[in-house]
Structures are given as C-alpha cells and as structure tokens.
N, C-alpha and C. Protein backbone atom coordinates (compact mmCIF):
# COMPACT_ATOMS: atom_id res chain seq x y z
N UNK A 1 0.82 -1.06 -0.11
CA UNK A 1 -0.06 0.08 0.10
C UNK A 1 0.94 1.15 0.02
N UNK A 2 0.60 2.12 -0.85
CA UNK A 2 1.32 3.53 -1.10
C UNK A 2 0.79 4.42 -0.05
N UNK A 3 1.73 5.08 0.73
CA UNK A 3 1.36 6.14 1.57
C UNK A 3 2.26 7.28 1.40
N UNK A 4 1.85 8.61 1.36
CA UNK A 4 2.66 9.75 1.51
C UNK A 4 2.11 10.53 2.62
N UNK A 5 2.99 10.74 3.56
CA UNK A 5 2.40 11.53 4.85
C UNK A 5 3.10 12.85 4.75
N UNK A 6 2.28 14.05 4.55
CA UNK A 6 2.76 15.31 4.79
C UNK A 6 2.80 15.95 6.16
N UNK A 7 3.81 16.44 6.50
CA UNK A 7 3.91 17.16 7.82
C UNK A 7 4.62 18.58 7.77
N UNK A 8 4.46 19.20 8.97
CA UNK A 8 5.22 20.26 9.01
C UNK A 8 4.61 21.80 8.92
N UNK A 9 3.22 21.85 8.56
CA UNK A 9 2.60 23.01 8.42
C UNK A 9 2.21 23.58 9.78
N UNK A 10 1.72 24.76 9.73
CA UNK A 10 1.30 25.41 10.96
C UNK A 10 1.16 26.93 10.75
N UNK A 11 0.98 27.72 11.82
CA UNK A 11 0.78 29.07 11.81
C UNK A 11 2.08 30.00 12.02
N UNK A 12 2.47 30.77 11.11
CA UNK A 12 3.61 31.40 11.29
C UNK A 12 3.33 32.98 10.82
N UNK A 13 4.17 33.81 11.36
CA UNK A 13 3.97 35.31 11.08
C UNK A 13 4.79 35.71 9.47
N UNK A 14 4.14 36.63 8.95
CA UNK A 14 4.77 36.86 7.74
C UNK A 14 6.23 37.27 7.95
N UNK A 15 7.04 36.81 6.96
CA UNK A 15 8.57 36.76 7.06
C UNK A 15 9.21 35.42 7.85
N UNK A 16 8.29 34.62 8.51
CA UNK A 16 8.97 33.53 8.96
C UNK A 16 9.19 32.40 8.11
N UNK A 17 9.65 31.30 8.77
CA UNK A 17 9.90 29.99 8.03
C UNK A 17 9.13 28.76 8.47
N UNK A 18 8.98 27.95 7.61
CA UNK A 18 8.60 26.43 7.99
C UNK A 18 9.34 25.50 6.89
N UNK A 19 9.41 24.35 7.58
CA UNK A 19 9.92 23.30 6.75
C UNK A 19 8.87 22.08 6.65
N UNK A 20 8.38 21.98 5.43
CA UNK A 20 7.47 20.83 5.35
C UNK A 20 8.20 19.45 5.02
N UNK A 21 7.61 18.42 5.26
CA UNK A 21 8.28 17.20 4.96
C UNK A 21 7.10 16.25 4.47
N UNK A 22 7.60 15.30 3.54
CA UNK A 22 6.73 14.22 3.05
C UNK A 22 7.30 12.92 2.98
N UNK A 23 6.95 12.08 3.79
CA UNK A 23 7.68 10.60 3.82
C UNK A 23 6.74 9.56 3.27
N UNK A 24 7.36 8.91 2.28
CA UNK A 24 6.47 7.91 1.44
C UNK A 24 6.93 6.58 1.92
N UNK A 25 6.01 5.62 1.64
CA UNK A 25 6.07 4.24 1.74
C UNK A 25 5.40 3.51 0.91
N UNK A 26 5.92 2.34 0.38
CA UNK A 26 5.36 1.40 -0.58
C UNK A 26 5.68 1.75 -2.14
N UNK A 27 6.77 2.70 -2.19
CA UNK A 27 6.94 2.94 -3.69
C UNK A 27 8.46 2.87 -3.69
N UNK A 28 9.13 2.75 -4.86
CA UNK A 28 10.66 2.81 -5.09
C UNK A 28 10.96 4.38 -5.11
N UNK A 29 11.02 4.97 -3.92
CA UNK A 29 10.94 6.41 -3.93
C UNK A 29 12.09 7.09 -4.72
N UNK A 30 13.21 6.55 -4.92
CA UNK A 30 14.29 7.34 -5.59
C UNK A 30 14.16 7.54 -7.06
N UNK A 31 13.07 6.78 -7.58
CA UNK A 31 12.93 6.88 -9.10
C UNK A 31 11.74 7.76 -9.44
N UNK A 32 11.22 8.25 -8.45
CA UNK A 32 9.97 9.23 -8.67
C UNK A 32 10.41 10.79 -8.70
N UNK A 33 9.73 11.37 -9.65
CA UNK A 33 9.80 12.97 -9.57
C UNK A 33 8.79 13.21 -8.38
N UNK A 34 9.44 14.19 -7.54
CA UNK A 34 8.39 14.68 -6.42
C UNK A 34 8.09 16.14 -6.59
N UNK A 35 6.90 16.52 -6.13
CA UNK A 35 6.31 17.82 -6.40
C UNK A 35 5.51 18.27 -5.07
N UNK A 36 5.81 19.40 -4.88
CA UNK A 36 4.81 20.19 -3.83
C UNK A 36 3.81 21.01 -4.76
N UNK A 37 2.50 20.96 -4.28
CA UNK A 37 1.42 21.65 -4.91
C UNK A 37 0.89 22.46 -3.74
N UNK A 38 0.10 23.66 -3.87
CA UNK A 38 -0.62 24.23 -2.84
C UNK A 38 -2.11 24.53 -3.41
N UNK A 39 -2.99 24.67 -2.55
CA UNK A 39 -4.29 25.22 -2.90
C UNK A 39 -4.86 26.02 -1.70
N UNK A 40 -4.96 27.40 -2.31
CA UNK A 40 -5.49 28.24 -1.32
C UNK A 40 -7.14 28.31 -1.61
N UNK A 41 -7.71 28.73 -0.62
CA UNK A 41 -9.28 28.73 -0.58
C UNK A 41 -9.79 29.52 -1.71
N UNK A 42 -10.66 28.72 -2.52
CA UNK A 42 -11.24 29.35 -3.64
C UNK A 42 -10.34 29.39 -4.96
N UNK A 43 -9.33 29.04 -4.87
CA UNK A 43 -8.26 28.88 -5.98
C UNK A 43 -7.94 27.49 -6.36
N UNK A 44 -7.41 27.31 -7.60
CA UNK A 44 -6.97 25.99 -8.09
C UNK A 44 -5.76 25.58 -7.55
N UNK A 45 -5.46 24.31 -7.52
CA UNK A 45 -4.30 23.86 -7.01
C UNK A 45 -3.20 24.37 -8.05
N UNK A 46 -2.00 24.65 -7.39
CA UNK A 46 -0.86 25.04 -8.26
C UNK A 46 0.40 24.30 -7.88
N UNK A 47 1.16 24.16 -8.84
CA UNK A 47 2.60 23.66 -8.70
C UNK A 47 3.47 24.58 -8.09
N UNK A 48 3.99 24.20 -6.90
CA UNK A 48 4.95 25.16 -6.27
C UNK A 48 6.49 24.85 -6.59
N UNK A 49 6.73 23.52 -6.62
CA UNK A 49 8.10 23.17 -6.78
C UNK A 49 8.24 21.64 -7.18
N UNK A 50 9.37 21.12 -7.99
CA UNK A 50 9.51 19.91 -8.23
C UNK A 50 10.96 19.41 -8.22
N UNK A 51 11.29 18.22 -7.89
CA UNK A 51 12.65 17.68 -7.91
C UNK A 51 12.64 16.35 -8.61
N UNK A 52 13.37 16.21 -9.54
CA UNK A 52 13.39 14.90 -10.27
C UNK A 52 14.09 13.89 -9.67
N UNK A 53 14.17 12.71 -10.23
CA UNK A 53 15.19 11.45 -9.54
C UNK A 53 16.55 12.07 -9.47
N UNK A 54 17.05 12.70 -10.49
CA UNK A 54 18.26 13.11 -10.67
C UNK A 54 18.72 14.17 -9.89
N UNK A 55 17.79 14.86 -9.20
CA UNK A 55 18.07 16.18 -8.33
C UNK A 55 17.79 17.44 -9.13
N UNK A 56 17.19 17.45 -10.07
CA UNK A 56 16.86 18.71 -10.87
C UNK A 56 15.72 19.37 -10.32
N UNK A 57 15.98 20.71 -10.03
CA UNK A 57 14.72 21.46 -9.37
C UNK A 57 14.19 22.50 -10.13
N UNK A 58 12.87 22.76 -10.00
CA UNK A 58 12.28 24.07 -10.35
C UNK A 58 11.20 24.54 -9.52
N UNK A 59 10.92 25.83 -9.70
CA UNK A 59 10.10 26.45 -8.89
C UNK A 59 9.12 27.34 -9.64
N UNK A 60 7.86 27.67 -8.96
CA UNK A 60 6.98 28.69 -9.41
C UNK A 60 7.72 30.05 -9.17
N UNK A 61 7.41 30.88 -10.18
CA UNK A 61 7.98 32.22 -10.08
C UNK A 61 7.72 32.94 -8.66
N UNK A 62 6.62 32.58 -8.06
CA UNK A 62 6.18 33.30 -6.89
C UNK A 62 6.94 33.01 -5.65
N UNK A 63 7.67 31.78 -5.76
CA UNK A 63 8.45 31.30 -4.76
C UNK A 63 9.94 31.19 -4.88
N UNK A 64 10.24 31.32 -6.04
CA UNK A 64 11.64 31.36 -6.35
C UNK A 64 12.50 32.24 -5.35
N UNK A 65 13.72 31.75 -4.93
CA UNK A 65 14.56 32.40 -4.09
C UNK A 65 13.88 32.40 -2.50
N UNK A 66 12.88 31.85 -2.38
CA UNK A 66 12.45 31.88 -0.99
C UNK A 66 12.19 30.43 -0.55
N UNK A 67 11.86 29.51 -1.36
CA UNK A 67 11.56 28.17 -0.99
C UNK A 67 12.68 27.39 -1.53
N UNK A 68 12.94 26.23 -1.01
CA UNK A 68 13.85 25.27 -1.41
C UNK A 68 13.37 23.81 -1.31
N UNK A 69 13.44 23.06 -2.29
CA UNK A 69 13.01 21.61 -2.30
C UNK A 69 14.30 20.75 -2.33
N UNK A 70 14.22 19.56 -1.58
CA UNK A 70 15.30 18.57 -1.46
C UNK A 70 14.64 17.35 -1.22
N UNK A 71 15.48 16.45 -1.32
CA UNK A 71 14.95 15.00 -1.19
C UNK A 71 16.05 14.21 -0.47
N UNK A 72 15.62 13.38 0.27
CA UNK A 72 16.64 12.34 1.12
C UNK A 72 16.15 11.05 0.80
N UNK A 73 16.57 10.37 -0.38
CA UNK A 73 16.16 8.97 -0.70
C UNK A 73 16.30 7.89 0.32
N UNK A 74 17.38 7.98 1.24
CA UNK A 74 17.56 7.10 2.22
C UNK A 74 16.51 7.17 3.14
N UNK A 75 15.79 8.33 3.37
CA UNK A 75 14.63 8.29 4.38
C UNK A 75 13.33 8.60 3.61
N UNK A 76 13.29 8.25 2.27
CA UNK A 76 12.09 8.33 1.58
C UNK A 76 11.33 9.56 1.87
N UNK A 77 11.98 10.64 2.04
CA UNK A 77 11.29 11.97 2.23
C UNK A 77 11.73 12.95 1.42
N UNK A 78 10.88 13.89 1.09
CA UNK A 78 11.12 15.33 0.41
C UNK A 78 10.73 16.36 1.26
N UNK A 79 11.37 17.31 1.13
CA UNK A 79 11.37 18.40 2.15
C UNK A 79 10.95 19.88 1.12
N UNK A 80 10.24 20.73 1.82
CA UNK A 80 10.22 21.98 1.23
C UNK A 80 10.49 23.03 2.35
N UNK A 81 11.51 23.75 1.99
CA UNK A 81 12.13 24.57 3.17
C UNK A 81 11.33 26.07 2.66
N UNK A 82 10.58 26.66 3.48
CA UNK A 82 9.92 28.06 2.98
C UNK A 82 10.29 29.05 4.05
N UNK A 83 11.05 30.11 3.37
CA UNK A 83 11.58 31.31 3.99
C UNK A 83 10.91 32.44 3.63
N UNK A 84 11.10 33.50 4.28
CA UNK A 84 10.30 34.84 3.98
C UNK A 84 8.95 34.65 3.49
N UNK A 85 8.24 33.96 4.50
CA UNK A 85 6.88 33.50 4.02
C UNK A 85 5.92 34.93 4.13
N UNK A 86 5.01 34.83 3.01
CA UNK A 86 4.14 35.93 2.88
C UNK A 86 2.53 35.53 3.04
N UNK A 87 1.80 36.34 3.37
CA UNK A 87 0.28 36.09 3.56
C UNK A 87 -0.11 35.20 2.34
N UNK A 88 0.13 35.55 1.10
CA UNK A 88 -0.24 34.81 -0.01
C UNK A 88 0.21 33.46 -0.03
N UNK A 89 1.25 32.97 0.67
CA UNK A 89 1.54 31.66 0.76
C UNK A 89 0.62 30.71 1.48
N UNK A 90 -0.24 31.29 2.12
CA UNK A 90 -1.42 30.53 2.98
C UNK A 90 -2.13 29.60 1.96
N UNK A 91 -2.06 28.46 2.26
CA UNK A 91 -2.59 27.29 1.50
C UNK A 91 -2.51 25.89 2.21
N UNK A 92 -3.31 24.95 1.70
CA UNK A 92 -2.92 23.67 2.02
C UNK A 92 -1.80 23.08 0.95
N UNK A 93 -0.81 22.44 1.49
CA UNK A 93 0.34 21.92 0.80
C UNK A 93 0.25 20.48 0.67
N UNK A 94 0.46 20.10 -0.68
CA UNK A 94 0.09 18.59 -0.77
C UNK A 94 1.43 18.11 -1.57
N UNK A 95 2.09 16.96 -0.99
CA UNK A 95 3.09 16.46 -1.87
C UNK A 95 2.68 15.37 -2.87
N UNK A 96 3.41 15.42 -3.95
CA UNK A 96 3.15 14.35 -4.97
C UNK A 96 4.25 13.51 -5.55
N UNK A 97 4.07 12.30 -5.77
CA UNK A 97 5.02 11.46 -6.19
C UNK A 97 4.59 10.74 -7.57
N UNK A 98 5.10 10.91 -8.73
CA UNK A 98 4.72 10.48 -10.03
C UNK A 98 5.80 10.01 -10.78
N UNK A 99 5.62 8.99 -11.51
CA UNK A 99 6.41 8.67 -12.59
C UNK A 99 5.46 8.19 -13.86
N UNK A 100 4.29 8.67 -13.92
CA UNK A 100 3.42 8.39 -15.15
C UNK A 100 2.05 8.36 -14.46
N UNK A 101 1.12 8.33 -15.42
CA UNK A 101 -0.18 8.26 -14.82
C UNK A 101 -0.72 7.14 -14.15
N UNK A 102 -0.08 6.04 -14.21
CA UNK A 102 -0.73 5.05 -13.40
C UNK A 102 0.17 4.92 -12.17
N UNK A 103 1.17 5.69 -12.06
CA UNK A 103 1.96 5.85 -10.65
C UNK A 103 2.07 7.24 -10.27
N UNK A 104 0.94 7.75 -9.59
CA UNK A 104 0.75 9.03 -9.23
C UNK A 104 0.02 9.04 -8.02
N UNK A 105 0.79 9.64 -6.89
CA UNK A 105 0.23 9.46 -5.43
C UNK A 105 0.51 10.90 -4.89
N UNK A 106 -0.63 10.98 -3.95
CA UNK A 106 -0.70 12.30 -3.11
C UNK A 106 -0.62 12.12 -1.80
N UNK A 107 -0.13 13.08 -1.01
CA UNK A 107 -0.23 13.13 0.39
C UNK A 107 -1.51 13.77 0.83
N UNK A 108 -1.72 13.79 2.07
CA UNK A 108 -3.21 14.11 2.59
C UNK A 108 -3.20 15.59 2.83
N UNK A 109 -2.20 16.37 2.61
CA UNK A 109 -2.11 17.90 2.83
C UNK A 109 -1.67 18.29 4.19
N UNK A 110 -1.12 19.31 4.25
CA UNK A 110 -0.67 20.23 5.44
C UNK A 110 -0.99 21.64 5.35
N UNK A 111 -1.60 22.14 6.20
CA UNK A 111 -2.16 23.53 6.33
C UNK A 111 -0.98 24.49 6.60
N UNK A 112 -0.66 25.44 5.82
CA UNK A 112 0.22 26.50 6.15
C UNK A 112 -0.49 27.76 6.32
N UNK A 113 -0.54 28.50 7.36
CA UNK A 113 -1.20 29.85 7.47
C UNK A 113 -0.24 30.93 7.90
N UNK A 114 -0.10 32.00 7.08
CA UNK A 114 0.87 32.87 7.39
C UNK A 114 -0.09 34.14 7.86
N UNK A 115 0.11 34.76 8.78
CA UNK A 115 -0.44 35.93 9.30
C UNK A 115 0.17 37.16 8.92
N UNK A 116 -0.51 38.18 8.50
CA UNK A 116 0.15 39.34 7.99
C UNK A 116 0.41 40.36 9.14
C-alpha cells in the first residue's frame, strides 16, 4: 500500500519560516519525481516546486528564491524549506510522487497559514 504523509505545516508570522516534509512508503522512492502543490481557498491547485530523480529542481516564480525543495532517498522523504513567508503563501500544501499516470500518488495535505 502506497502512503505519502505530509507534515510540518502550521501558523507562522509573515517573514517567518517553515519546513514541510513528506515521507513515502510502498514505492521505489528514488525513481519518482516529487512535487509540492498548494491550494488556497477558492483557488485552483498550483505547482510550487519539483525535484526529479536526478535532483533537478524547479520552482514557481512566486516562490523562487524563498523556497527550497530537497529529497533524502535514504529516508524516503522530500522537504520544502519555506523562508520569507508571505500572507499569500497561505494554503494547504500537498506532496506528489509521480512517474506516470498510473503511478501518481498524493499526500493528505498540510495547512500553512501565514499571518500578516
């Protein structure tokens, strides 16, 4: 059974930092591209950041320079370090592991709330 467990969300003041983690089980973690998405109230889910199996990363323009994605294959965990948080970063953050349409898994989400 595949499970992705998101953690690390919380309430933080504007300008603060949080580190999200997502630990997977039941998959060959190292071969998956891992992504963080977020969904704010009333908005569509959007891609925040991704890291490939080879370690290539990319970021949405709105978070570039503030967020860092990383992975630890030995721990089956992907991280999202979020610095200089803004009110508009408030959302539920979801991790995703995918290597194709039949191998596409989601975490349950973790709430990040940034107070202005």
